[in-house]
Structure formats: structure tokens, C-alpha cells
Amino acid sequence: MRGVDMRRLIALLALIIFLSAAPAAAQEDGLAIIVSPAPAQTLIGVVTVQGTAASPNFQRYRLEYAVQGSLEPEWFAIVEIAQQVTNGTLALWDTTAVPDGVYQLRLRVFLRSGAVLQTVVQGLNVINRSATTLPTLPQPATPLATAFPTLGPSPTALIQQPPTLPPRPTVASIAPTSPPPSEGQRVVTQTALILQALQGAFCNGALFTLFAFSLFGAYRLFHVRVRPRLRRWLSDGRDG
């Protein structure tokens, strides 16, 4: 009997140790914390969500919102990021994209083992469209200026002279001026002048050459025909 009781006691102690150690083994190390905004805080415009999403087995974190008060809330994602954040900015939540009301914010950290760490902030009041309009003060009335008549001599009627017509402007005839010649026209003109000068020089040279040949021909004619006759005539005259 004592041996059986001892076995039962040992088995009971082993079971207690196993059950106490099982939750510690199943628990995953990590943090899912939302520091700001705080519960029941009023939100306007773009809100910076700050906190921590970190773990040695970190895979990703997801920040989402839902309407407060629903039995089965429908969560809408703000961001889902695969990078750890420690005491920093988790996301920027543009509350102008949702209707005014009371919302809850949830941070979920997914681990590689399949476990999920989460935290929820409730009672967030979004009031972007229910701003109170300030009353406008009435503008002071502008006093009307009262004109009082002043006594004095009766005004003298002015004699208006008939307007004189101004003299008609004379249009001076301006002779059209020819535009200055272009560079191409100048080159053509200079070329024409050079050709004319060459042509005149060629004509003068031809005339001078023709005149020289004529003189030379006359000299040869005189030397060949006229000179012998002149000599004979002079010699005949001396003989007679």
C-alpha cells in the first residue's frame, strides 16, 4: 500500500510540475503596446499612433480600428508592417476619412510561431465635422452724412464757348527709302564692276595692239616698197 501511495504521489507531483511548466513554455516573449492615443481621448485630423510592436519571433504587426459598441466589431486596417517598432511611431491615422463617432484601436503582433499578441484602446472620440461655429458680431452701422445748405451769392452762369475743332493733321509724304543692299548684292555689284573694268582694259589693249600692228605694217610697207623707189627717185634727180 505504501508503494502504491508513493507512486501516486510521484505521478501527481509530475503532473503538477508539467501543468505549471506548460503555460510558461507556450507563452511567447513580445510586446504589443499602444501608448498614444490614450483611452477616451478626443481625436481630430491626422493622429500619430505611438507604441511598441516587438518580439524575438516577430513577423509583422497590424494596426486597425472599429466602431465602438458593436457586439461583433468589423476591423479595418490602417497599416500592416513587417518591421519592429520600439517606443516609436506605429502609424499615422487620418481620422478625416471616417465619420465622427466613438472608435476603438487594436494593435496585433504576429509571431513566426503562429501566436498573436494584441492590445486594444477604447473610447476614442473622433469629432472632425462637429466643430462649434463661433457667433459673428454685428457690424456697427455707418452714420449717414447730412449735408446742410450754405448761404451765399447766387452762382453766376458760365458762358460756354463753342468748342473749336483742332486742325487736321497734315500727312507728310515720305519717299520710300530703298533698303540697304545685302551682302550678296554687294558681292554681285563688285563682281560686275570688276568684269566691266576687265572688259574695258581688254578692249583698250586690243585697240592698242591693233594700232601698233598697223604702224608696224605701214613701216614695213614703207621700208620694203616706198624706200627703194624713193632712193631711185633721189638718185635720178642727182643724175639729171
C-alpha atoms as a PDB file:
ATOM      1  CA  MET A   1       0.000   0.000   0.000  1.00  0.00           C
ATOM      2  CA  ARG A   2       2.757   2.365   0.847  1.00  0.00           C
ATOM      3  CA  GLY A   3       4.414   1.648  -2.512  1.00  0.00           C
ATOM      4  CA  VAL A   4       1.181   2.423  -4.373  1.00  0.00           C
ATOM      5  CA  ASP A   5       0.646   5.658  -2.474  1.00  0.00           C
ATOM      6  CA  MET A   6       4.196   6.686  -3.160  1.00  0.00           C
ATOM      7  CA  ARG A   7       3.727   6.088  -6.882  1.00  0.00           C
ATOM      8  CA  ARG A   8       0.531   8.078  -6.924  1.00  0.00           C
ATOM      9  CA  LEU A   9       2.207  10.903  -5.068  1.00  0.00           C
ATOM     10  CA  ILE A  10       5.106  10.928  -7.504  1.00  0.00           C
ATOM     11  CA  ALA A  11       2.731  10.890 -10.508  1.00  0.00           C
ATOM     12  CA  LEU A  12       0.675  13.715  -9.009  1.00  0.00           C
ATOM     13  CA  LEU A  13       3.770  15.830  -8.435  1.00  0.00           C
ATOM     14  CA  ALA A  14       4.969  15.201 -12.006  1.00  0.00           C
ATOM     15  CA  LEU A  15       1.562  16.231 -13.369  1.00  0.00           C
ATOM     16  CA  ILE A  16       1.573  19.418 -11.323  1.00  0.00           C
ATOM     17  CA  ILE A  17       5.080  20.287 -12.491  1.00  0.00           C
ATOM     18  CA  PHE A  18       4.108  19.607 -16.141  1.00  0.00           C
ATOM     19  CA  LEU A  19       0.953  21.708 -15.942  1.00  0.00           C
ATOM     20  CA  SER A  20       2.778  24.591 -14.287  1.00  0.00           C
ATOM     21  CA  ALA A  21       5.577  24.490 -16.857  1.00  0.00           C
ATOM     22  CA  ALA A  22       3.336  24.117 -19.923  1.00  0.00           C
ATOM     23  CA  PRO A  23       1.960  27.700 -19.932  1.00  0.00           C
ATOM     24  CA  ALA A  24       5.435  29.121 -19.492  1.00  0.00           C
ATOM     25  CA  ALA A  25       6.668  27.131 -22.471  1.00  0.00           C
ATOM     26  CA  ALA A  26       3.663  28.086 -24.579  1.00  0.00           C
ATOM     27  CA  GLN A  27       3.911  31.781 -23.731  1.00  0.00           C
ATOM     28  CA  GLU A  28       5.801  33.828 -26.319  1.00  0.00           C
ATOM     29  CA  ASP A  29       8.019  36.738 -25.412  1.00  0.00           C
ATOM     30  CA  GLY A  30       6.997  40.034 -27.031  1.00  0.00           C
ATOM     31  CA  LEU A  31       5.227  43.338 -26.592  1.00  0.00           C
ATOM     32  CA  ALA A  32       2.114  44.855 -28.189  1.00  0.00           C
ATOM     33  CA  ILE A  33       1.581  48.256 -26.547  1.00  0.00           C
ATOM     34  CA  ILE A  34      -0.240  51.447 -27.663  1.00  0.00           C
ATOM     35  CA  VAL A  35       0.987  54.469 -25.702  1.00  0.00           C
ATOM     36  CA  SER A  36      -0.835  57.164 -27.654  1.00  0.00           C
ATOM     37  CA  PRO A  37      -3.687  57.883 -28.160  1.00  0.00           C
ATOM     38  CA  ALA A  38      -4.939  57.116 -24.653  1.00  0.00           C
ATOM     39  CA  PRO A  39      -8.404  55.677 -23.908  1.00  0.00           C
ATOM     40  CA  ALA A  40     -11.302  58.194 -24.128  1.00  0.00           C
ATOM     41  CA  GLN A  41      -9.095  60.722 -25.954  1.00  0.00           C
ATOM     42  CA  THR A  42     -10.568  63.168 -28.487  1.00  0.00           C
ATOM     43  CA  LEU A  43      -9.081  62.812 -31.990  1.00  0.00           C
ATOM     44  CA  ILE A  44      -9.049  65.434 -34.768  1.00  0.00           C
ATOM     45  CA  GLY A  45      -7.302  65.229 -38.146  1.00  0.00           C
ATOM     46  CA  VAL A  46      -4.211  63.066 -38.607  1.00  0.00           C
ATOM     47  CA  VAL A  47      -3.315  61.217 -35.381  1.00  0.00           C
ATOM     48  CA  THR A  48       0.132  59.768 -34.657  1.00  0.00           C
ATOM     49  CA  VAL A  49      -0.201  56.308 -33.087  1.00  0.00           C
ATOM     50  CA  GLN A  50       2.818  55.538 -30.896  1.00  0.00           C
ATOM     51  CA  GLY A  51       3.798  52.380 -29.053  1.00  0.00           C
ATOM     52  CA  THR A  52       5.780  49.146 -29.286  1.00  0.00           C
ATOM     53  CA  ALA A  53       5.427  46.102 -31.553  1.00  0.00           C
ATOM     54  CA  ALA A  54       8.424  43.820 -30.998  1.00  0.00           C
ATOM     55  CA  SER A  55       9.359  40.202 -30.253  1.00  0.00           C
ATOM     56  CA  PRO A  56      12.300  37.810 -30.806  1.00  0.00           C
ATOM     57  CA  ASN A  57       9.947  35.810 -33.066  1.00  0.00           C
ATOM     58  CA  PHE A  58       8.476  38.910 -34.706  1.00  0.00           C
ATOM     59  CA  GLN A  59       6.855  38.511 -38.144  1.00  0.00           C
ATOM     60  CA  ARG A  60       4.663  41.590 -38.651  1.00  0.00           C
ATOM     61  CA  TYR A  61       2.210  43.875 -36.886  1.00  0.00           C
ATOM     62  CA  ARG A  62      -1.203  45.162 -37.896  1.00  0.00           C
ATOM     63  CA  LEU A  63      -2.929  48.321 -36.631  1.00  0.00           C
ATOM     64  CA  GLU A  64      -6.704  48.543 -37.167  1.00  0.00           C
ATOM     65  CA  TYR A  65      -9.824  50.356 -35.969  1.00  0.00           C
ATOM     66  CA  ALA A  66     -13.504  49.555 -35.426  1.00  0.00           C
ATOM     67  CA  VAL A  67     -16.657  51.330 -34.297  1.00  0.00           C
ATOM     68  CA  GLN A  68     -17.120  51.215 -30.530  1.00  0.00           C
ATOM     69  CA  GLY A  69     -20.180  49.410 -29.088  1.00  0.00           C
ATOM     70  CA  SER A  70     -20.694  46.687 -31.687  1.00  0.00           C
ATOM     71  CA  LEU A  71     -21.039  43.099 -30.434  1.00  0.00           C
ATOM     72  CA  GLU A  72     -19.046  41.810 -33.391  1.00  0.00           C
ATOM     73  CA  PRO A  73     -16.913  44.776 -34.489  1.00  0.00           C
ATOM     74  CA  GLU A  74     -15.652  44.933 -38.052  1.00  0.00           C
ATOM     75  CA  TRP A  75     -11.976  45.847 -38.002  1.00  0.00           C
ATOM     76  CA  PHE A  76     -10.464  47.993 -40.747  1.00  0.00           C
ATOM     77  CA  ALA A  77      -6.711  48.007 -41.314  1.00  0.00           C
ATOM     78  CA  ILE A  78      -4.732  51.215 -41.000  1.00  0.00           C
ATOM     79  CA  VAL A  79      -1.272  49.706 -41.673  1.00  0.00           C
ATOM     80  CA  GLU A  80       0.373  46.283 -41.741  1.00  0.00           C
ATOM     81  CA  ILE A  81       4.168  46.451 -41.466  1.00  0.00           C
ATOM     82  CA  ALA A  82       6.830  43.745 -41.271  1.00  0.00           C
ATOM     83  CA  GLN A  83       9.259  45.805 -39.184  1.00  0.00           C
ATOM     84  CA  GLN A  84       9.526  46.014 -35.401  1.00  0.00           C
ATOM     85  CA  VAL A  85       8.912  49.299 -33.580  1.00  0.00           C
ATOM     86  CA  THR A  86      10.059  50.018 -30.035  1.00  0.00           C
ATOM     87  CA  ASN A  87       8.715  53.182 -28.363  1.00  0.00           C
ATOM     88  CA  GLY A  88       8.141  54.822 -31.724  1.00  0.00           C
ATOM     89  CA  THR A  89       5.544  55.692 -34.332  1.00  0.00           C
ATOM     90  CA  LEU A  90       3.390  52.762 -35.352  1.00  0.00           C
ATOM     91  CA  ALA A  91       1.255  54.597 -37.951  1.00  0.00           C
ATOM     92  CA  LEU A  92      -0.448  57.849 -38.943  1.00  0.00           C
ATOM     93  CA  TRP A  93      -4.244  57.549 -38.739  1.00  0.00           C
ATOM     94  CA  ASP A  94      -6.204  60.046 -40.840  1.00  0.00           C
ATOM     95  CA  THR A  95      -9.439  60.361 -38.875  1.00  0.00           C
ATOM     96  CA  THR A  96     -10.977  62.677 -41.503  1.00  0.00           C
ATOM     97  CA  ALA A  97     -11.622  59.568 -43.629  1.00  0.00           C
ATOM     98  CA  VAL A  98     -14.141  58.169 -41.086  1.00  0.00           C
ATOM     99  CA  PRO A  99     -17.420  59.580 -39.780  1.00  0.00           C
ATOM    100  CA  ASP A 100     -17.466  61.270 -36.397  1.00  0.00           C
ATOM    101  CA  GLY A 101     -18.106  58.870 -33.538  1.00  0.00           C
ATOM    102  CA  VAL A 102     -16.529  56.642 -30.909  1.00  0.00           C
ATOM    103  CA  TYR A 103     -13.901  54.142 -32.100  1.00  0.00           C
ATOM    104  CA  GLN A 104     -11.534  51.544 -30.703  1.00  0.00           C
ATOM    105  CA  LEU A 105      -7.976  50.924 -31.857  1.00  0.00           C
ATOM    106  CA  ARG A 106      -6.296  47.491 -31.886  1.00  0.00           C
ATOM    107  CA  LEU A 107      -2.640  46.504 -32.292  1.00  0.00           C
ATOM    108  CA  ARG A 108      -1.878  42.885 -33.218  1.00  0.00           C
ATOM    109  CA  VAL A 109       1.661  41.461 -33.340  1.00  0.00           C
ATOM    110  CA  PHE A 110       2.013  38.249 -35.371  1.00  0.00           C
ATOM    111  CA  LEU A 111       4.844  35.862 -34.442  1.00  0.00           C
ATOM    112  CA  ARG A 112       6.560  33.223 -36.549  1.00  0.00           C
ATOM    113  CA  SER A 113       5.217  30.508 -34.278  1.00  0.00           C
ATOM    114  CA  GLY A 114       1.651  31.469 -35.178  1.00  0.00           C
ATOM    115  CA  ALA A 115       0.896  33.191 -31.868  1.00  0.00           C
ATOM    116  CA  VAL A 116      -0.651  36.676 -31.840  1.00  0.00           C
ATOM    117  CA  LEU A 117      -0.091  39.409 -29.231  1.00  0.00           C
ATOM    118  CA  GLN A 118      -2.651  42.207 -29.131  1.00  0.00           C
ATOM    119  CA  THR A 119      -3.839  45.263 -27.217  1.00  0.00           C
ATOM    120  CA  VAL A 120      -6.978  47.422 -27.629  1.00  0.00           C
ATOM    121  CA  VAL A 121      -7.560  51.114 -26.802  1.00  0.00           C
ATOM    122  CA  GLN A 122     -11.253  52.020 -26.457  1.00  0.00           C
ATOM    123  CA  GLY A 123     -13.412  55.117 -26.249  1.00  0.00           C
ATOM    124  CA  LEU A 124     -11.629  57.264 -28.883  1.00  0.00           C
ATOM    125  CA  ASN A 125     -13.843  60.240 -29.852  1.00  0.00           C
ATOM    126  CA  VAL A 126     -13.470  61.452 -33.449  1.00  0.00           C
ATOM    127  CA  ILE A 127     -15.003  64.940 -33.924  1.00  0.00           C
ATOM    128  CA  ASN A 128     -13.807  66.364 -37.233  1.00  0.00           C
ATOM    129  CA  ARG A 129     -17.178  67.565 -38.570  1.00  0.00           C
ATOM    130  CA  SER A 130     -18.939  68.635 -35.376  1.00  0.00           C
ATOM    131  CA  ALA A 131     -16.877  71.741 -34.672  1.00  0.00           C
ATOM    132  CA  THR A 132     -18.756  74.551 -32.897  1.00  0.00           C
ATOM    133  CA  THR A 133     -19.169  77.649 -35.041  1.00  0.00           C
ATOM    134  CA  LEU A 134     -18.409  80.933 -33.329  1.00  0.00           C
ATOM    135  CA  PRO A 135     -21.137  83.624 -33.450  1.00  0.00           C
ATOM    136  CA  THR A 136     -20.380  86.602 -35.640  1.00  0.00           C
ATOM    137  CA  LEU A 137     -20.703  90.023 -34.055  1.00  0.00           C
ATOM    138  CA  PRO A 138     -22.889  92.572 -35.892  1.00  0.00           C
ATOM    139  CA  GLN A 139     -21.029  95.304 -37.683  1.00  0.00           C
ATOM    140  CA  PRO A 140     -21.585  98.864 -36.359  1.00  0.00           C
ATOM    141  CA  ALA A 141     -23.830 100.970 -38.549  1.00  0.00           C
ATOM    142  CA  THR A 142     -22.114 103.636 -40.575  1.00  0.00           C
ATOM    143  CA  PRO A 143     -23.558 107.109 -39.810  1.00  0.00           C
ATOM    144  CA  LEU A 144     -25.076 108.870 -42.770  1.00  0.00           C
ATOM    145  CA  ALA A 145     -23.506 112.191 -43.678  1.00  0.00           C
ATOM    146  CA  THR A 146     -26.065 115.024 -43.589  1.00  0.00           C
ATOM    147  CA  ALA A 147     -25.450 117.873 -45.992  1.00  0.00           C
ATOM    148  CA  PHE A 148     -26.523 121.308 -44.797  1.00  0.00           C
ATOM    149  CA  PRO A 149     -27.043 124.088 -47.398  1.00  0.00           C
ATOM    150  CA  THR A 150     -24.682 127.052 -47.138  1.00  0.00           C
ATOM    151  CA  LEU A 151     -25.929 130.569 -47.761  1.00  0.00           C
ATOM    152  CA  GLY A 152     -24.055 132.732 -50.222  1.00  0.00           C
ATOM    153  CA  PRO A 153     -24.309 134.645 -53.500  1.00  0.00           C
ATOM    154  CA  SER A 154     -26.221 133.082 -56.299  1.00  0.00           C
ATOM    155  CA  PRO A 155     -23.997 131.306 -58.717  1.00  0.00           C
ATOM    156  CA  THR A 156     -23.117 133.076 -61.941  1.00  0.00           C
ATOM    157  CA  ALA A 157     -23.994 131.255 -65.121  1.00  0.00           C
ATOM    158  CA  LEU A 158     -20.950 130.283 -67.053  1.00  0.00           C
ATOM    159  CA  ILE A 159     -20.799 131.206 -70.739  1.00  0.00           C
ATOM    160  CA  GLN A 160     -19.600 128.248 -72.654  1.00  0.00           C
ATOM    161  CA  GLN A 161     -17.671 128.912 -75.847  1.00  0.00           C
ATOM    162  CA  PRO A 162     -18.306 126.619 -78.779  1.00  0.00           C
ATOM    163  CA  PRO A 163     -15.575 124.095 -78.999  1.00  0.00           C
ATOM    164  CA  THR A 164     -13.040 124.694 -81.720  1.00  0.00           C
ATOM    165  CA  LEU A 165     -12.082 121.813 -83.866  1.00  0.00           C
ATOM    166  CA  PRO A 166      -8.389 121.021 -83.803  1.00  0.00           C
ATOM    167  CA  PRO A 167      -6.556 121.440 -87.126  1.00  0.00           C
ATOM    168  CA  ARG A 168      -6.373 118.392 -89.250  1.00  0.00           C
ATOM    169  CA  PRO A 169      -3.014 116.793 -89.184  1.00  0.00           C
ATOM    170  CA  THR A 170      -1.080 117.023 -92.418  1.00  0.00           C
ATOM    171  CA  VAL A 171       0.364 113.850 -93.675  1.00  0.00           C
ATOM    172  CA  ALA A 172       3.862 114.409 -94.951  1.00  0.00           C
ATOM    173  CA  SER A 173       4.738 112.295 -97.905  1.00  0.00           C
ATOM    174  CA  ILE A 174       7.772 110.313 -97.131  1.00  0.00           C
ATOM    175  CA  ALA A 175       9.695 108.971-100.036  1.00  0.00           C
ATOM    176  CA  PRO A 176      10.221 105.301 -99.707  1.00  0.00           C
ATOM    177  CA  THR A 177      13.764 104.531 -98.956  1.00  0.00           C
ATOM    178  CA  SER A 178      15.282 101.556-100.520  1.00  0.00           C
ATOM    179  CA  PRO A 179      16.603  99.040 -98.076  1.00  0.00           C
ATOM    180  CA  PRO A 180      20.356  98.760 -97.824  1.00  0.00           C
ATOM    181  CA  PRO A 181      21.812  96.147-100.134  1.00  0.00           C
ATOM    182  CA  SER A 182      22.518  92.806 -98.673  1.00  0.00           C
ATOM    183  CA  GLU A 183      25.914  91.160 -98.603  1.00  0.00           C
ATOM    184  CA  GLY A 184      25.098  89.034-101.653  1.00  0.00           C
ATOM    185  CA  GLN A 185      24.015  92.092-103.670  1.00  0.00           C
ATOM    186  CA  ARG A 186      27.237  93.867-102.711  1.00  0.00           C
ATOM    187  CA  VAL A 187      29.318  90.916-103.933  1.00  0.00           C
ATOM    188  CA  VAL A 188      27.384  90.764-107.229  1.00  0.00           C
ATOM    189  CA  THR A 189      27.809  94.531-107.764  1.00  0.00           C
ATOM    190  CA  GLN A 190      31.544  94.405-107.056  1.00  0.00           C
ATOM    191  CA  THR A 191      31.921  91.437-109.426  1.00  0.00           C
ATOM    192  CA  ALA A 192      30.055  93.295-112.179  1.00  0.00           C
ATOM    193  CA  LEU A 193      32.294  96.347-111.718  1.00  0.00           C
ATOM    194  CA  ILE A 194      35.414  94.187-111.886  1.00  0.00           C
ATOM    195  CA  LEU A 195      34.147  92.488-115.074  1.00  0.00           C
ATOM    196  CA  GLN A 196      33.380  95.863-116.641  1.00  0.00           C
ATOM    197  CA  ALA A 197      36.873  97.113-115.767  1.00  0.00           C
ATOM    198  CA  LEU A 198      38.467  93.985-117.232  1.00  0.00           C
ATOM    199  CA  GLN A 199      36.346  94.299-120.359  1.00  0.00           C
ATOM    200  CA  GLY A 200      37.364  97.953-120.797  1.00  0.00           C
ATOM    201  CA  ALA A 201      41.033  97.091-120.260  1.00  0.00           C
ATOM    202  CA  PHE A 202      40.777  94.231-122.753  1.00  0.00           C
ATOM    203  CA  CYS A 203      39.177  96.491-125.372  1.00  0.00           C
ATOM    204  CA  ASN A 204      41.825  99.185-124.831  1.00  0.00           C
ATOM    205  CA  GLY A 205      44.596  96.638-125.082  1.00  0.00           C
ATOM    206  CA  ALA A 206      43.121  95.184-128.254  1.00  0.00           C
ATOM    207  CA  LEU A 207      42.861  98.649-129.816  1.00  0.00           C
ATOM    208  CA  PHE A 208      46.408  99.497-128.780  1.00  0.00           C
ATOM    209  CA  THR A 209      47.705  96.220-130.214  1.00  0.00           C
ATOM    210  CA  LEU A 210      45.821  96.778-133.467  1.00  0.00           C
ATOM    211  CA  PHE A 211      47.212 100.289-133.694  1.00  0.00           C
ATOM    212  CA  ALA A 212      50.736  99.035-133.065  1.00  0.00           C
ATOM    213  CA  PHE A 213      50.398  96.334-135.729  1.00  0.00           C
ATOM    214  CA  SER A 214      49.091  98.948-138.167  1.00  0.00           C
ATOM    215  CA  LEU A 215      52.107 101.174-137.522  1.00  0.00           C
ATOM    216  CA  PHE A 216      54.422  98.215-137.886  1.00  0.00           C
ATOM    217  CA  GLY A 217      52.739  97.206-141.141  1.00  0.00           C
ATOM    218  CA  ALA A 218      52.983 100.732-142.510  1.00  0.00           C
ATOM    219  CA  TYR A 219      56.654 100.852-141.548  1.00  0.00           C
ATOM    220  CA  ARG A 220      57.328  97.537-143.306  1.00  0.00           C
ATOM    221  CA  LEU A 221      55.415  98.671-146.364  1.00  0.00           C
ATOM    222  CA  PHE A 222      57.396 101.889-146.425  1.00  0.00           C
ATOM    223  CA  HIS A 223      60.652 100.068-145.841  1.00  0.00           C
ATOM    224  CA  VAL A 224      60.055  97.402-148.496  1.00  0.00           C
ATOM    225  CA  ARG A 225      58.314  99.322-151.302  1.00  0.00           C
ATOM    226  CA  VAL A 226      58.425 103.013-150.811  1.00  0.00           C
ATOM    227  CA  ARG A 227      62.025 103.364-149.669  1.00  0.00           C
ATOM    228  CA  PRO A 228      63.632 101.755-152.821  1.00  0.00           C
ATOM    229  CA  ARG A 229      61.514 103.933-155.055  1.00  0.00           C
ATOM    230  CA  LEU A 230      62.431 106.987-153.050  1.00  0.00           C
ATOM    231  CA  ARG A 231      66.106 106.165-153.359  1.00  0.00           C
ATOM    232  CA  ARG A 232      65.827 105.697-157.129  1.00  0.00           C
ATOM    233  CA  TRP A 233      63.964 108.926-157.464  1.00  0.00           C
ATOM    234  CA  LEU A 234      66.607 110.779-155.456  1.00  0.00           C
ATOM    235  CA  SER A 235      69.386 109.188-157.417  1.00  0.00           C
ATOM    236  CA  ASP A 236      67.702 110.069-160.756  1.00  0.00           C
ATOM    237  CA  GLY A 237      67.363 113.612-159.661  1.00  0.00           C
ATOM    238  CA  ARG A 238      71.011 113.900-158.849  1.00  0.00           C
ATOM    239  CA  ASP A 239      71.995 112.426-162.188  1.00  0.00           C
ATOM    240  CA  GLY A 240      69.810 114.780-164.220  1.00  0.00           C
END
